[in-house]
Amino acid sequence: MSLRCLIVDDEPLAHGVITEYAKDIPFINIVGNCYRATAALDFLSKQPVDLIFLDIRMPKLNGLDFLRTLAHKPLVIITSAYEEYALSGFDLAVCDYLLKPFRLDRFLKAVNRALELHNLKKQTATTSEIEKIPTKNNGQISLKVDKKYILIKIDEIQYLESLGNYVKVWKNGDFLLTPRTLASFEDQLSTDFIRIHKSFMLNKKYVDYLEGNTIVLKNGQQVPIGKNFKGTIKQLLNIED
């Protein structure tokens, strides 16, 4: 894993320091050098980067105004001789602020943080994409359980139970705990699933009978019915009063 990095600074000396430090850090790959923020805009229109080392005081367009123009911001480490811009920099969600002159150990701390944030963004994006995978065609759904992703068949799911920011996915009388909301499952599950409670969603094929405010499954498990859902459930399950 390496970070594609762009240096944006009007001082050649600053480019030299960062480039020299980067030689000792295997995950830092300097792919461009711009001496004006306006030149950086042109560079980024042709080649995306993961991280920008950005000076603030530059001719025509300063670093902070340059950053405000970006619709899709890469990670940014401010490199400036002026500490008074630090608050403005962090308001723009930069990942670190290096005050010139800075030593290698401080530079290393900043780029390690950038790498950590890059990996976190990538992991979050991957998780989001996995959760968006259509499942109605292949009859499977992907669940994040601990640090693994598990594929299970939708028709094996008996019911889902909301637990705060997690959902218990019940199958074979046991459950898998996944960090999602109950609502996030609704577009992925088949029409066999119905909401029977604000905290429960049920697969109709596993229903044995209705008793009072409880649905009893074929394996004997009992699932509560919300008072606002009972009429709908009777209609969907073809139960007459």
Protein backbone atom coordinates (compact mmCIF):
# COMPACT_ATOMS: atom_id res chain seq x y z
CA MET A 1 0.00 0.00 0.00
CA SER A 2 1.44 3.38 -1.02
CA LEU A 3 0.09 6.92 -1.06
CA ARG A 4 0.36 8.92 -4.29
CA CYS A 5 1.50 12.31 -3.09
CA LEU A 6 1.63 15.81 -4.57
CA ILE A 7 3.79 18.61 -3.15
CA VAL A 8 2.29 22.09 -3.57
CA ASP A 9 4.69 24.78 -2.35
CA ASP A 10 6.30 27.84 -3.90
CA GLU A 11 9.63 27.17 -2.17
CA PRO A 12 11.99 24.73 -3.92
CA LEU A 13 13.69 24.07 -0.56
CA ALA A 14 10.42 22.73 0.85
CA HIS A 15 10.10 20.33 -2.08
CA GLY A 16 13.63 19.12 -1.43
CA VAL A 17 13.02 18.48 2.29
CA ILE A 18 9.79 16.53 1.73
CA THR A 19 11.29 14.54 -1.14
CA GLU A 20 14.32 13.67 0.95
CA TYR A 21 12.19 12.55 3.90
CA ALA A 22 9.94 10.53 1.58
CA LYS A 23 12.91 8.46 0.38
CA ASP A 24 13.01 6.77 3.79
CA ILE A 25 9.28 6.01 3.90
CA PRO A 26 8.24 3.17 1.57
CA PHE A 27 4.53 4.04 1.42
CA ILE A 28 5.11 7.65 0.31
CA ASN A 29 5.27 7.99 -3.48
CA ILE A 30 5.82 11.55 -4.74
CA VAL A 31 4.05 11.72 -8.11
CA GLY A 32 4.08 15.48 -8.69
CA ASN A 33 5.60 18.83 -7.73
CA CYS A 34 3.68 22.09 -8.17
CA TYR A 35 5.00 25.53 -7.26
CA ARG A 36 1.65 27.29 -7.54
CA ALA A 37 -1.79 26.26 -6.34
CA THR A 38 -3.15 27.09 -9.80
CA ALA A 39 -0.74 24.56 -11.29
CA ALA A 40 -1.97 21.99 -8.75
CA LEU A 41 -5.53 22.46 -9.98
CA ASP A 42 -4.41 21.58 -13.48
CA PHE A 43 -2.40 18.59 -12.21
CA LEU A 44 -5.35 17.19 -10.24
CA SER A 45 -7.65 17.49 -13.25
CA LYS A 46 -5.40 15.00 -15.03
CA GLN A 47 -4.16 12.75 -12.25
CA PRO A 48 -5.77 11.99 -8.87
CA VAL A 49 -3.63 11.73 -5.75
CA ASP A 50 -4.14 10.35 -2.26
CA LEU A 51 -2.27 13.00 -0.29
CA ILE A 52 -1.20 16.63 -0.80
CA PHE A 53 1.60 18.35 1.10
CA LEU A 54 0.23 21.89 0.93
CA ASP A 55 1.83 25.24 1.71
CA ILE A 56 -0.47 28.15 2.56
CA ARG A 57 1.20 31.41 1.54
CA MET A 58 1.60 31.18 -2.22
CA PRO A 59 1.15 33.74 -5.03
CA LYS A 60 -2.24 34.28 -6.73
CA LEU A 61 -4.06 31.51 -4.83
CA ASN A 62 -3.21 30.57 -1.26
CA GLY A 63 -3.34 27.01 -0.01
CA LEU A 64 -6.52 27.31 2.04
CA ASP A 65 -8.47 28.95 -0.80
CA PHE A 66 -7.14 26.28 -3.15
CA LEU A 67 -8.40 23.61 -0.77
CA ARG A 68 -11.85 25.20 -0.67
CA THR A 69 -12.13 24.95 -4.45
CA LEU A 70 -11.72 21.16 -4.52
CA ALA A 71 -14.95 19.21 -4.94
CA HIS A 72 -13.23 15.93 -4.10
CA LYS A 73 -10.51 16.50 -1.54
CA PRO A 74 -7.64 14.07 -1.08
CA LEU A 75 -5.95 13.86 2.29
CA VAL A 76 -4.00 17.02 3.07
CA ILE A 77 -1.02 17.75 5.30
CA ILE A 78 -0.42 21.47 5.67
CA THR A 79 3.27 22.47 5.62
CA SER A 80 3.57 26.11 6.67
CA ALA A 81 5.92 28.48 8.47
CA TYR A 82 2.91 30.28 9.97
CA GLU A 83 1.07 28.74 12.89
CA GLU A 84 -1.81 31.24 12.82
CA TYR A 85 -3.47 29.27 9.99
CA ALA A 86 -3.70 26.03 11.98
CA LEU A 87 -7.31 26.50 13.12
CA SER A 88 -8.47 27.35 9.59
CA GLY A 89 -6.62 24.30 8.29
CA PHE A 90 -8.30 21.92 10.70
CA ASP A 91 -11.68 23.50 9.94
CA LEU A 92 -11.05 22.22 6.40
CA ALA A 93 -10.44 18.70 7.78
CA VAL A 94 -6.72 18.49 7.03
CA CYS A 95 -5.17 15.43 8.62
CA ASP A 96 -2.15 17.26 10.08
CA TYR A 97 -0.39 20.62 10.25
CA LEU A 98 3.40 20.67 10.05
CA LEU A 99 5.09 23.88 11.16
CA LYS A 100 8.26 24.59 9.17
CA PRO A 101 10.98 23.65 9.76
CA PHE A 102 9.90 20.16 10.80
CA ARG A 103 12.02 17.10 11.57
CA LEU A 104 11.77 13.64 10.07
CA ASP A 105 10.13 12.16 13.20
CA ARG A 106 7.34 14.75 13.07
CA PHE A 107 6.92 14.21 9.32
CA LEU A 108 6.72 10.46 9.89
CA LYS A 109 3.99 10.89 12.50
CA ALA A 110 1.97 12.99 10.04
CA VAL A 111 2.24 10.58 7.11
CA ASN A 112 1.47 7.58 9.34
CA ARG A 113 -1.73 9.32 10.34
CA ALA A 114 -2.50 10.00 6.68
CA LEU A 115 -1.97 6.33 5.83
CA GLU A 116 -4.26 5.28 8.68
CA LEU A 117 -6.99 7.66 7.48
CA HIS A 118 -6.53 6.48 3.88
CA ASN A 119 -6.94 2.84 4.91
CA LEU A 120 -9.98 3.72 7.01
CA LYS A 121 -11.64 5.55 4.11
CA LYS A 122 -10.91 2.63 1.81
CA GLN A 123 -12.31 0.12 4.28
CA THR A 124 -15.44 2.22 4.79
CA ALA A 125 -15.95 2.51 1.03
CA THR A 126 -15.50 -1.24 0.60
CA THR A 127 -18.00 -1.97 3.38
CA SER A 128 -20.49 0.40 1.81
CA GLU A 129 -20.11 -1.21 -1.61
CA ILE A 130 -20.51 -4.71 -0.19
CA GLU A 131 -23.72 -3.67 1.55
CA LYS A 132 -25.01 -2.31 -1.77
CA ILE A 133 -24.44 -5.53 -3.70
CA PRO A 134 -27.78 -6.69 -5.15
CA THR A 135 -28.85 -9.94 -3.58
CA LYS A 136 -32.23 -10.73 -5.08
CA ASN A 137 -30.71 -12.38 -8.13
CA ASN A 138 -28.20 -14.67 -6.44
CA GLY A 139 -30.25 -15.29 -3.29
CA GLN A 140 -27.38 -14.41 -0.97
CA ILE A 141 -26.47 -11.57 1.32
CA SER A 142 -23.11 -10.45 2.69
CA LEU A 143 -22.80 -9.84 6.43
CA LYS A 144 -19.91 -8.28 8.29
CA VAL A 145 -19.33 -10.37 11.41
CA ASP A 146 -16.40 -9.35 13.61
CA LYS A 147 -13.69 -8.66 11.01
CA LYS A 148 -14.97 -11.10 8.39
CA TYR A 149 -17.59 -10.98 5.65
CA ILE A 150 -19.89 -13.98 5.48
CA LEU A 151 -22.22 -14.93 2.64
CA ILE A 152 -25.45 -16.56 3.70
CA LYS A 153 -28.55 -17.63 1.78
CA ILE A 154 -31.49 -15.30 2.22
CA ASP A 155 -34.00 -18.13 2.47
CA GLU A 156 -32.08 -19.53 5.47
CA ILE A 157 -32.73 -16.36 7.48
CA GLN A 158 -35.59 -16.91 9.92
CA TYR A 159 -35.84 -13.35 11.23
CA LEU A 160 -33.85 -10.23 11.99
CA GLU A 161 -33.74 -8.48 15.34
CA SER A 162 -32.58 -4.90 15.81
CA LEU A 163 -30.14 -4.26 18.63
CA GLY A 164 -29.15 -0.59 18.63
CA ASN A 165 -26.62 -0.09 15.85
CA TYR A 166 -26.45 -3.85 15.26
CA VAL A 167 -28.78 -6.50 13.88
CA LYS A 168 -29.08 -10.12 14.97
CA VAL A 169 -29.59 -12.26 11.87
CA TRP A 170 -31.21 -15.48 13.07
CA LYS A 171 -30.77 -18.77 11.21
CA ASN A 172 -30.95 -22.35 12.45
CA GLY A 173 -31.89 -21.15 15.93
CA ASP A 174 -28.69 -19.10 16.32
CA PHE A 175 -27.72 -15.61 15.23
CA LEU A 176 -24.97 -13.62 13.53
CA LEU A 177 -24.41 -10.10 14.87
CA THR A 178 -23.68 -7.50 12.19
CA PRO A 179 -23.14 -3.70 12.47
CA ARG A 180 -26.11 -2.48 10.42
CA THR A 181 -29.60 -1.09 10.87
CA LEU A 182 -32.74 -3.09 10.26
CA ALA A 183 -33.88 -0.60 7.60
CA SER A 184 -30.70 -1.22 5.57
CA PHE A 185 -31.86 -4.81 4.92
CA GLU A 186 -35.24 -3.98 3.46
CA ASP A 187 -34.10 -3.46 -0.14
CA GLN A 188 -31.94 -6.58 -0.07
CA LEU A 189 -34.47 -9.08 1.21
CA SER A 190 -37.23 -10.78 -0.75
CA THR A 191 -40.94 -10.17 -0.40
CA ASP A 192 -41.08 -13.19 1.92
CA PHE A 193 -39.85 -10.87 4.69
CA ILE A 194 -42.30 -8.67 6.57
CA ARG A 195 -41.85 -6.13 9.35
CA ILE A 196 -43.76 -7.37 12.42
CA HIS A 197 -42.34 -4.98 14.99
CA LYS A 198 -40.17 -1.86 14.93
CA SER A 199 -37.30 -4.14 15.99
CA PHE A 200 -38.14 -7.37 14.13
CA MET A 201 -38.41 -8.49 10.51
CA LEU A 202 -39.65 -12.02 9.79
CA ASN A 203 -39.37 -14.58 7.00
CA LYS A 204 -42.96 -15.81 6.44
CA LYS A 205 -41.86 -19.31 5.40
CA TYR A 206 -40.74 -20.10 8.96
CA VAL A 207 -44.03 -19.12 10.64
CA ASP A 208 -45.92 -21.93 12.39
CA TYR A 209 -48.77 -20.07 14.08
CA LEU A 210 -49.89 -16.81 15.64
CA GLU A 211 -50.73 -16.75 19.35
CA GLY A 212 -51.78 -13.50 20.99
CA ASN A 213 -49.08 -10.94 20.34
CA THR A 214 -46.50 -13.55 19.42
CA ILE A 215 -45.55 -15.44 16.29
CA VAL A 216 -44.25 -18.93 16.92
CA LEU A 217 -41.80 -20.32 14.39
CA LYS A 218 -41.60 -23.91 13.23
CA ASN A 219 -38.57 -24.50 15.46
CA GLY A 220 -40.45 -23.20 18.50
CA GLN A 221 -38.82 -19.77 18.69
CA GLN A 222 -41.16 -16.93 19.58
CA VAL A 223 -41.05 -13.47 18.02
CA PRO A 224 -43.09 -10.53 19.39
CA ILE A 225 -45.57 -8.57 17.31
CA GLY A 226 -45.80 -4.80 17.55
CA LYS A 227 -49.32 -3.55 18.25
CA ASN A 228 -49.28 -1.40 15.13
CA PHE A 229 -48.37 -4.37 12.93
CA LYS A 230 -50.90 -7.01 13.98
CA GLY A 231 -53.59 -6.23 11.41
CA THR A 232 -51.12 -6.19 8.56
CA ILE A 233 -49.62 -9.47 9.73
CA LYS A 234 -52.99 -11.21 9.79
CA GLN A 235 -53.67 -10.05 6.26
CA LEU A 236 -50.26 -11.06 4.95
CA LEU A 237 -50.39 -14.46 6.64
CA ASN A 238 -54.02 -15.01 5.55
CA ILE A 239 -55.17 -15.30 9.17
CA GLU A 240 -58.87 -14.66 9.80
CA ASP A 241 -60.29 -13.43 13.10
